[in-house]
């Protein structure tokens, strides 16, 4: 292929490697559907009988974070804006600790099968419905883009059909998730995770060899100012800084880890709370290897390969997210099967993300919307769960094609997780820490926070932030064979930057186009709209908590706070790490509430027969009510902490 050719023809070996991935994924779903054909309970389908190994859950969850769009987006982020984005790893560590030590014990203590059930038992059924609707709408839109993003990036630089890519991801993941349920999702994630890791190392070292080795790539990246972590600006308008990634995206990640059913479901399917915690902490080394080590080096190698000839500047590609696929198909054009391995790895990430999402949506729909209103048996609920999985898979595929038509909607969908994360995390934080928080406050907080973040995002879309806040790096085309009508040294200051980043997948869609010399006059409010997307989640959470607390206090929350069960409240001073504090002080800091039920920390999900409990049904009488009676001042068992 010539240097300026945009399209690479994939070999038969490439298609064989890609086809094997799809076949194995589908086979796993068929296997579990056949093996569990005699099990008619929805608990087996949606939570894997709560018998999933913690290490499998950790691998599955880690791969859900590392989506196909992430694999394509992070190298592009590093190539065009440097490495400061990688501070998010510290935010991941913070989120995992909070999820394992604060929220997971609350879920296990109360025998919950979904994150959304906490909204119901703590506040009431209407708060649960609002949270469920927000989650479903968010997930459908986001995962439609997760299907479409790798498809469009790969089809732009190879002869791999965009339609075939969308249908391959959507149909196969819907098939094996519908047939095998959560077990199929998790065990295909394990297989896909191994494949993705192998692919990353093959691409890193293979492409680095084409440049001159890892050391040479690092030297070029350093000379090009891509090894750049020194962004500690406190101005919130700067797109990527230490503060916006560690604390801003860290709160987004906390919301995902603690309230997103597709993720929480991984930890609740473990045998016990201790294994659930091991699954959460087990994601840390996997994330450090896959996302921290592999992705950052892949970004440096990609920049080194194109350091003298930026393909976006000479319009070889139309979007920055296509830069990694272009490098792969060029470097490995003469190695049959390697480009197919890359495509399979990217699609493995997409399959994991989408299958996790549609299984999670099926779970919350059955548990949060259907079961409280019907008295169907487990066999019927099992078929309803499968039907919903098929339905949601179809919706995600449909939205993927809608994304290809609407264009700019892609950027809106990629930002949807950040916009909704604060609205979903706020009520959980408020409910766990403040006994006087009630249902009216939770609903008011969620709706207000969501409206606030949508307004902020739309404003930023209408009035994009000034270029000086976007950290766009200089680019070069001196080494291009032909670059007529293009300036040799292309400065970032001659380009407008339009970007949107997903906080769950860390992917980004870039467009760099020549700017007009004149700029429209910006109103004063535009400076507020320029706030980094990284702060959307903390701002939404703050708005949710402030509004929620005010409304709760004004609607009787202070009077009904003693009626809230201590099982639903997090008691920080009773954590084992703080047991050294004087008992009198810890008792003084413990709110006086209802009776705490007994709890077996080793097997909280087992009944008297030793069998795992089924998906719990929260009946109307089980929801927290302001007038619900609990025995006061009798806090007992705190072993679950």
Foldseek 3Di string as FASTA:
>chain_A
DDPLAQAFEADPLLVVLLVVLLVVLLVLLQVQLVVCVVPQFVQCQQQVLLADFLLLLLLLLLLLLAALLLLLFLLLCLQWFADQLLLLLLLLVVLLVCQLFFQLLLCLQVVAQALLVLLFQLFHLVLSVVLLVLLLVLLLLQLLLSQQVVLVLLVRRYVRHSLCSLCSLLVSLLNSCLRNHPVSLSVSSVVLSVLLLVLLVCLLQLLCVVLPHLVSLVVLCVVQCRNDNPFQDPQLLQAGHSCLSNPLLSLLSSLCCRHNGLSVSSLSSHQFSVSSSVSSVSNSVVCCSNVVPRSVSLSSSLNSVCQAADCCQLPSDQWSSNSSLNSQCVSCVVPRNSNSSSSSSSSSSSSSNSSSSLSSSLVCCCFSPNQQVDDDDRNVSSNSSSVSSSVSSVSSSVSNVVCVVVVVVSQVSLLSSLLQSLLRVQVLVLSQAPLLQHNVLNVVLSVVLSVVSVVLQVLCVVQPRDPVSHSTGKGANNPPPDRPPGDGTGGLVQWDWDWHHHSSHRGMIIGTDGDDPDDDDDDPCSSVSSRHSSNSNVVSSVSSNVSRVVVSVVPCSVVLSQAGDNSSYGQVCPPPVNPPPDPVVSVVSDDKHFERDDADRSGSQADPVRRGDGNDHQYNVSGRDSPHDGHIRHYDDPVSD
